[in-house]
C-alpha cells in the first residue's frame, strides 16, 4: 500500500497531469491533499488501473480528500507556451483552486516551477510511490477522459470517446480525412507524414 505522502505532519498536496502526449484536448492537472488516515487498496498510478477502477476511485477521492482541485490548459495555450509549461501552469491552477492552502507540494515527474513560496519536490514515477500523487493522477485522468467523451459527441469522426485524443492510427487517419479541429494542438505532429504545420 502506498504511503499517503512524502512528508508527514504537514498539509502536503500531490500534483499530476493527464494528456501530455495527446494530439487533441486540454492538458488536465489535479492537486490532492489526503488525510493521514486515508487508504484504499486500489490506490495507485492511474496508468496501472483499469478504467473501471479509476472511475470507481474518483468519487472516493473527491469525497474523502482533505482538499482536491482539477484545472487545465487549453490546446491554444499549449500551442502558445508549449506542453511542458502548460502542464506546470495547469498544476499551478489546480493548487490555486484548492480549498485548503497546502504547506508543501510534491509532483510527479522531474520538472516543476515554484508555486508561490511553497516548498516543493519532484519524484520520477511519483504516482506509483505516494498516495496523494496517485490520487491526483486518477482525478486528472478521469476528469480529462470525461471532457474528451463529451467533445466526442460534438466531433464524432475522431473517436475521442475511445482514444481520448491520443495519437492512435485511427485518430491520425481521421485528421487526414477530416482535417484538424479547434481542439487539436497545432504545434504537435498530427500526421505521420506531416512536414509543416497546418
C-alpha atoms as a PDB file:
ATOM      1  CA  UNK A   1       0.000   0.000   0.000  1.00  0.00           C
ATOM      2  CA  UNK A   2       1.338   3.450  -0.912  1.00  0.00           C
ATOM      3  CA  UNK A   3       2.234   5.955   1.801  1.00  0.00           C
ATOM      4  CA  UNK A   4      -0.174   8.891   1.587  1.00  0.00           C
ATOM      5  CA  UNK A   5       2.559  11.486   1.322  1.00  0.00           C
ATOM      6  CA  UNK A   6       6.300  12.133   1.352  1.00  0.00           C
ATOM      7  CA  UNK A   7       6.404  14.406   4.395  1.00  0.00           C
ATOM      8  CA  UNK A   8       4.021  13.614   7.245  1.00  0.00           C
ATOM      9  CA  UNK A   9       2.743  16.252   9.633  1.00  0.00           C
ATOM     10  CA  UNK A  10       2.109  18.956   7.012  1.00  0.00           C
ATOM     11  CA  UNK A  11      -0.698  19.513   4.529  1.00  0.00           C
ATOM     12  CA  UNK A  12       1.100  18.120   1.502  1.00  0.00           C
ATOM     13  CA  UNK A  13      -0.511  18.392  -1.922  1.00  0.00           C
ATOM     14  CA  UNK A  14       0.290  15.817  -4.578  1.00  0.00           C
ATOM     15  CA  UNK A  15       0.156  17.003  -8.197  1.00  0.00           C
ATOM     16  CA  UNK A  16      -0.034  15.185 -11.515  1.00  0.00           C
ATOM     17  CA  UNK A  17      -1.325  15.773 -15.023  1.00  0.00           C
ATOM     18  CA  UNK A  18      -3.005  13.835 -17.813  1.00  0.00           C
ATOM     19  CA  UNK A  19      -2.945  14.302 -21.567  1.00  0.00           C
ATOM     20  CA  UNK A  20       0.581  15.493 -22.216  1.00  0.00           C
ATOM     21  CA  UNK A  21       1.067  13.213 -25.191  1.00  0.00           C
ATOM     22  CA  UNK A  22      -2.328  13.795 -26.805  1.00  0.00           C
ATOM     23  CA  UNK A  23      -2.898  15.393 -30.180  1.00  0.00           C
ATOM     24  CA  UNK A  24      -6.210  16.946 -29.116  1.00  0.00           C
ATOM     25  CA  UNK A  25      -7.870  18.278 -26.000  1.00  0.00           C
ATOM     26  CA  UNK A  26      -6.530  20.079 -22.940  1.00  0.00           C
ATOM     27  CA  UNK A  27      -3.807  19.027 -20.574  1.00  0.00           C
ATOM     28  CA  UNK A  28      -5.508  18.490 -17.214  1.00  0.00           C
ATOM     29  CA  UNK A  29      -3.853  18.616 -13.798  1.00  0.00           C
ATOM     30  CA  UNK A  30      -5.047  17.791 -10.300  1.00  0.00           C
ATOM     31  CA  UNK A  31      -3.849  18.637  -6.816  1.00  0.00           C
ATOM     32  CA  UNK A  32      -4.905  16.444  -3.885  1.00  0.00           C
ATOM     33  CA  UNK A  33      -4.344  16.647  -0.129  1.00  0.00           C
ATOM     34  CA  UNK A  34      -5.181  13.329   1.555  1.00  0.00           C
ATOM     35  CA  UNK A  35      -5.968  12.908   5.251  1.00  0.00           C
ATOM     36  CA  UNK A  36      -3.367  10.933   7.208  1.00  0.00           C
ATOM     37  CA  UNK A  37      -5.736   8.013   7.715  1.00  0.00           C
ATOM     38  CA  UNK A  38      -6.826   7.647   4.079  1.00  0.00           C
ATOM     39  CA  UNK A  39      -6.164   4.289   2.496  1.00  0.00           C
ATOM     40  CA  UNK A  40      -7.636   2.304  -0.339  1.00  0.00           C
ATOM     41  CA  UNK A  41      -6.297  -0.998  -1.692  1.00  0.00           C
ATOM     42  CA  UNK A  42      -6.633   0.138  -5.323  1.00  0.00           C
ATOM     43  CA  UNK A  43      -4.860   3.482  -4.947  1.00  0.00           C
ATOM     44  CA  UNK A  44      -2.012   3.548  -7.470  1.00  0.00           C
ATOM     45  CA  UNK A  45      -0.720   5.292 -10.573  1.00  0.00           C
ATOM     46  CA  UNK A  46      -3.786   5.768 -12.790  1.00  0.00           C
ATOM     47  CA  UNK A  47      -1.995   4.073 -15.704  1.00  0.00           C
ATOM     48  CA  UNK A  48      -1.798   0.863 -13.629  1.00  0.00           C
ATOM     49  CA  UNK A  49      -5.573   0.802 -13.077  1.00  0.00           C
ATOM     50  CA  UNK A  50      -8.413  -0.233 -15.335  1.00  0.00           C
ATOM     51  CA  UNK A  51     -10.805   2.487 -16.460  1.00  0.00           C
ATOM     52  CA  UNK A  52     -13.484   0.906 -14.274  1.00  0.00           C
ATOM     53  CA  UNK A  53     -11.310   1.135 -11.154  1.00  0.00           C
ATOM     54  CA  UNK A  54     -10.237   4.711 -11.933  1.00  0.00           C
ATOM     55  CA  UNK A  55     -13.873   5.740 -12.294  1.00  0.00           C
ATOM     56  CA  UNK A  56     -14.782   3.947  -9.053  1.00  0.00           C
ATOM     57  CA  UNK A  57     -11.931   5.628  -7.142  1.00  0.00           C
ATOM     58  CA  UNK A  58     -12.745   9.143  -8.360  1.00  0.00           C
ATOM     59  CA  UNK A  59     -15.792   9.742  -6.096  1.00  0.00           C
ATOM     60  CA  UNK A  60     -13.989   8.115  -3.150  1.00  0.00           C
ATOM     61  CA  UNK A  61     -11.055  10.509  -3.503  1.00  0.00           C
ATOM     62  CA  UNK A  62     -13.309  13.519  -4.078  1.00  0.00           C
ATOM     63  CA  UNK A  63     -15.384  12.649  -1.005  1.00  0.00           C
ATOM     64  CA  UNK A  64     -12.600  11.756   1.400  1.00  0.00           C
ATOM     65  CA  UNK A  65      -9.719  14.054   0.431  1.00  0.00           C
ATOM     66  CA  UNK A  66      -8.938  16.956   2.727  1.00  0.00           C
ATOM     67  CA  UNK A  67      -8.970  19.062  -0.441  1.00  0.00           C
ATOM     68  CA  UNK A  68      -8.791  18.482  -4.185  1.00  0.00           C
ATOM     69  CA  UNK A  69      -8.959  20.540  -7.355  1.00  0.00           C
ATOM     70  CA  UNK A  70      -8.697  19.999 -11.100  1.00  0.00           C
ATOM     71  CA  UNK A  71      -7.579  22.592 -13.672  1.00  0.00           C
ATOM     72  CA  UNK A  72      -6.479  22.662 -17.303  1.00  0.00           C
ATOM     73  CA  UNK A  73      -4.674  24.454 -20.078  1.00  0.00           C
ATOM     74  CA  UNK A  74      -6.383  24.598 -23.455  1.00  0.00           C
ATOM     75  CA  UNK A  75      -4.893  23.442 -26.765  1.00  0.00           C
ATOM     76  CA  UNK A  76      -4.404  27.103 -27.726  1.00  0.00           C
ATOM     77  CA  UNK A  77      -2.437  27.696 -24.528  1.00  0.00           C
ATOM     78  CA  UNK A  78      -0.390  24.554 -25.172  1.00  0.00           C
ATOM     79  CA  UNK A  79       0.456  25.832 -28.655  1.00  0.00           C
ATOM     80  CA  UNK A  80       1.434  29.213 -27.245  1.00  0.00           C
ATOM     81  CA  UNK A  81       3.598  28.216 -24.264  1.00  0.00           C
ATOM     82  CA  UNK A  82       4.460  24.542 -25.098  1.00  0.00           C
ATOM     83  CA  UNK A  83       3.263  21.381 -23.398  1.00  0.00           C
ATOM     84  CA  UNK A  84       5.758  21.374 -20.520  1.00  0.00           C
ATOM     85  CA  UNK A  85       4.912  24.928 -19.460  1.00  0.00           C
ATOM     86  CA  UNK A  86       1.196  24.245 -19.963  1.00  0.00           C
ATOM     87  CA  UNK A  87       1.391  21.139 -17.767  1.00  0.00           C
ATOM     88  CA  UNK A  88       3.065  23.102 -14.981  1.00  0.00           C
ATOM     89  CA  UNK A  89       0.628  26.011 -15.394  1.00  0.00           C
ATOM     90  CA  UNK A  90      -2.313  23.600 -15.089  1.00  0.00           C
ATOM     91  CA  UNK A  91      -0.795  22.248 -11.849  1.00  0.00           C
ATOM     92  CA  UNK A  92      -0.391  25.811 -10.540  1.00  0.00           C
ATOM     93  CA  UNK A  93      -4.054  26.491 -11.365  1.00  0.00           C
ATOM     94  CA  UNK A  94      -5.115  23.322  -9.538  1.00  0.00           C
ATOM     95  CA  UNK A  95      -3.079  24.339  -6.479  1.00  0.00           C
ATOM     96  CA  UNK A  96      -4.663  27.806  -6.578  1.00  0.00           C
ATOM     97  CA  UNK A  97      -8.136  26.235  -6.637  1.00  0.00           C
ATOM     98  CA  UNK A  98      -7.630  24.108  -3.502  1.00  0.00           C
ATOM     99  CA  UNK A  99      -9.994  24.982  -0.664  1.00  0.00           C
ATOM    100  CA  UNK A 100      -7.151  24.418   1.826  1.00  0.00           C
ATOM    101  CA  UNK A 101      -3.728  26.010   1.461  1.00  0.00           C
ATOM    102  CA  UNK A 102      -1.078  23.260   1.401  1.00  0.00           C
ATOM    103  CA  UNK A 103       2.162  23.512   3.343  1.00  0.00           C
ATOM    104  CA  UNK A 104       4.204  21.852   0.593  1.00  0.00           C
ATOM    105  CA  UNK A 105       3.844  20.209  -2.804  1.00  0.00           C
ATOM    106  CA  UNK A 106       5.132  17.005  -4.383  1.00  0.00           C
ATOM    107  CA  UNK A 107       4.917  16.496  -8.132  1.00  0.00           C
ATOM    108  CA  UNK A 108       5.079  13.523 -10.462  1.00  0.00           C
ATOM    109  CA  UNK A 109       7.973  13.750 -12.908  1.00  0.00           C
ATOM    110  CA  UNK A 110      11.176  15.753 -12.847  1.00  0.00           C
ATOM    111  CA  UNK A 111      10.110  19.258 -13.878  1.00  0.00           C
ATOM    112  CA  UNK A 112       8.218  21.930 -11.967  1.00  0.00           C
ATOM    113  CA  UNK A 113       8.362  25.653 -11.267  1.00  0.00           C
ATOM    114  CA  UNK A 114       7.953  27.290  -7.870  1.00  0.00           C
ATOM    115  CA  UNK A 115       4.394  27.987  -6.807  1.00  0.00           C
ATOM    116  CA  UNK A 116       4.402  30.993  -4.505  1.00  0.00           C
ATOM    117  CA  UNK A 117       6.661  30.320  -1.546  1.00  0.00           C
ATOM    118  CA  UNK A 118       5.650  26.690  -1.090  1.00  0.00           C
ATOM    119  CA  UNK A 119       8.433  24.135  -0.734  1.00  0.00           C
ATOM    120  CA  UNK A 120       8.224  21.504  -3.464  1.00  0.00           C
ATOM    121  CA  UNK A 121       9.890  18.326  -4.644  1.00  0.00           C
ATOM    122  CA  UNK A 122       9.588  16.239  -7.810  1.00  0.00           C
ATOM    123  CA  UNK A 123       9.564  12.454  -7.956  1.00  0.00           C
ATOM    124  CA  UNK A 124      10.031  10.385 -11.101  1.00  0.00           C
ATOM    125  CA  UNK A 125       7.181   7.838 -11.142  1.00  0.00           C
ATOM    126  CA  UNK A 126       5.821   9.564  -8.057  1.00  0.00           C
ATOM    127  CA  UNK A 127       2.289   8.464  -8.991  1.00  0.00           C
ATOM    128  CA  UNK A 128       3.329   4.928  -8.111  1.00  0.00           C
ATOM    129  CA  UNK A 129       5.126   5.960  -4.907  1.00  0.00           C
ATOM    130  CA  UNK A 130       2.852   8.332  -2.997  1.00  0.00           C
ATOM    131  CA  UNK A 131      -0.885   8.208  -2.445  1.00  0.00           C
ATOM    132  CA  UNK A 132      -1.525  11.928  -2.900  1.00  0.00           C
ATOM    133  CA  UNK A 133       0.167  11.952  -6.333  1.00  0.00           C
ATOM    134  CA  UNK A 134      -1.623   8.723  -7.289  1.00  0.00           C
ATOM    135  CA  UNK A 135      -4.940  10.317  -6.293  1.00  0.00           C
ATOM    136  CA  UNK A 136      -4.073  13.401  -8.370  1.00  0.00           C
ATOM    137  CA  UNK A 137      -3.233  11.190 -11.354  1.00  0.00           C
ATOM    138  CA  UNK A 138      -6.616   9.456 -11.053  1.00  0.00           C
ATOM    139  CA  UNK A 139      -8.566  12.727 -10.830  1.00  0.00           C
ATOM    140  CA  UNK A 140      -6.648  14.317 -13.703  1.00  0.00           C
ATOM    141  CA  UNK A 141      -7.173  11.250 -15.912  1.00  0.00           C
ATOM    142  CA  UNK A 142     -10.865  10.687 -15.135  1.00  0.00           C
ATOM    143  CA  UNK A 143     -11.797  14.373 -15.477  1.00  0.00           C
ATOM    144  CA  UNK A 144      -9.918  14.611 -18.778  1.00  0.00           C
ATOM    145  CA  UNK A 145     -11.490  11.406 -20.113  1.00  0.00           C
ATOM    146  CA  UNK A 146     -14.910  12.805 -19.251  1.00  0.00           C
ATOM    147  CA  UNK A 147     -14.128  16.002 -21.182  1.00  0.00           C
ATOM    148  CA  UNK A 148     -12.965  14.035 -24.217  1.00  0.00           C
ATOM    149  CA  UNK A 149     -16.076  11.829 -24.209  1.00  0.00           C
ATOM    150  CA  UNK A 150     -18.186  14.995 -24.157  1.00  0.00           C
ATOM    151  CA  UNK A 151     -16.189  16.521 -27.034  1.00  0.00           C
ATOM    152  CA  UNK A 152     -16.535  13.257 -28.971  1.00  0.00           C
ATOM    153  CA  UNK A 153     -20.262  13.925 -29.155  1.00  0.00           C
ATOM    154  CA  UNK A 154     -19.553  17.220 -30.932  1.00  0.00           C
ATOM    155  CA  UNK A 155     -16.816  15.799 -33.180  1.00  0.00           C
ATOM    156  CA  UNK A 156     -17.836  12.161 -33.763  1.00  0.00           C
ATOM    157  CA  UNK A 157     -15.402  11.387 -36.556  1.00  0.00           C
ATOM    158  CA  UNK A 158     -12.258  11.353 -34.386  1.00  0.00           C
ATOM    159  CA  UNK A 159     -13.263   8.558 -31.968  1.00  0.00           C
ATOM    160  CA  UNK A 160     -12.207  10.608 -28.917  1.00  0.00           C
ATOM    161  CA  UNK A 161     -14.559   8.522 -26.786  1.00  0.00           C
ATOM    162  CA  UNK A 162     -12.111   5.660 -27.441  1.00  0.00           C
ATOM    163  CA  UNK A 163      -8.689   7.256 -27.998  1.00  0.00           C
ATOM    164  CA  UNK A 164      -9.217  10.306 -25.711  1.00  0.00           C
ATOM    165  CA  UNK A 165      -7.155  12.398 -28.139  1.00  0.00           C
ATOM    166  CA  UNK A 166      -4.038  10.211 -28.064  1.00  0.00           C
ATOM    167  CA  UNK A 167      -2.132   9.580 -31.324  1.00  0.00           C
ATOM    168  CA  UNK A 168      -3.703   6.305 -32.401  1.00  0.00           C
ATOM    169  CA  UNK A 169      -3.697   5.165 -36.023  1.00  0.00           C
ATOM    170  CA  UNK A 170      -7.458   5.751 -36.276  1.00  0.00           C
ATOM    171  CA  UNK A 171      -7.153   9.241 -34.820  1.00  0.00           C
ATOM    172  CA  UNK A 172      -4.454  10.219 -37.317  1.00  0.00           C
ATOM    173  CA  UNK A 173      -6.481   8.733 -40.168  1.00  0.00           C
ATOM    174  CA  UNK A 174      -9.450  10.868 -39.085  1.00  0.00           C
ATOM    175  CA  UNK A 175      -7.281  14.001 -39.035  1.00  0.00           C
ATOM    176  CA  UNK A 176      -6.044  13.193 -42.545  1.00  0.00           C
ATOM    177  CA  UNK A 177      -9.612  12.702 -43.767  1.00  0.00           C
ATOM    178  CA  UNK A 178     -11.475  15.432 -41.855  1.00  0.00           C
ATOM    179  CA  UNK A 179      -8.706  17.899 -41.018  1.00  0.00           C
ATOM    180  CA  UNK A 180      -7.896  19.246 -37.553  1.00  0.00           C
ATOM    181  CA  UNK A 181     -10.446  20.812 -35.206  1.00  0.00           C
ATOM    182  CA  UNK A 182     -10.139  23.775 -32.860  1.00  0.00           C
ATOM    183  CA  UNK A 183      -9.342  21.209 -30.160  1.00  0.00           C
ATOM    184  CA  UNK A 184      -6.239  19.869 -31.902  1.00  0.00           C
ATOM    185  CA  UNK A 185      -2.777  21.032 -30.870  1.00  0.00           C
ATOM    186  CA  UNK A 186      -1.414  22.644 -33.990  1.00  0.00           C
ATOM    187  CA  UNK A 187       2.208  22.607 -32.784  1.00  0.00           C
ATOM    188  CA  UNK A 188       2.073  18.805 -32.446  1.00  0.00           C
ATOM    189  CA  UNK A 189       2.819  16.362 -35.257  1.00  0.00           C
ATOM    190  CA  UNK A 190      -0.758  15.475 -36.112  1.00  0.00           C
ATOM    191  CA  UNK A 191       0.068  13.221 -39.082  1.00  0.00           C
ATOM    192  CA  UNK A 192       2.857  10.682 -39.523  1.00  0.00           C
ATOM    193  CA  UNK A 193       3.669  12.265 -42.876  1.00  0.00           C
ATOM    194  CA  UNK A 194       3.390  15.851 -41.642  1.00  0.00           C
ATOM    195  CA  UNK A 195       6.248  18.118 -42.631  1.00  0.00           C
ATOM    196  CA  UNK A 196       4.738  21.502 -41.834  1.00  0.00           C
ATOM    197  CA  UNK A 197       2.058  22.843 -39.549  1.00  0.00           C
ATOM    198  CA  UNK A 198      -1.482  23.046 -40.876  1.00  0.00           C
END
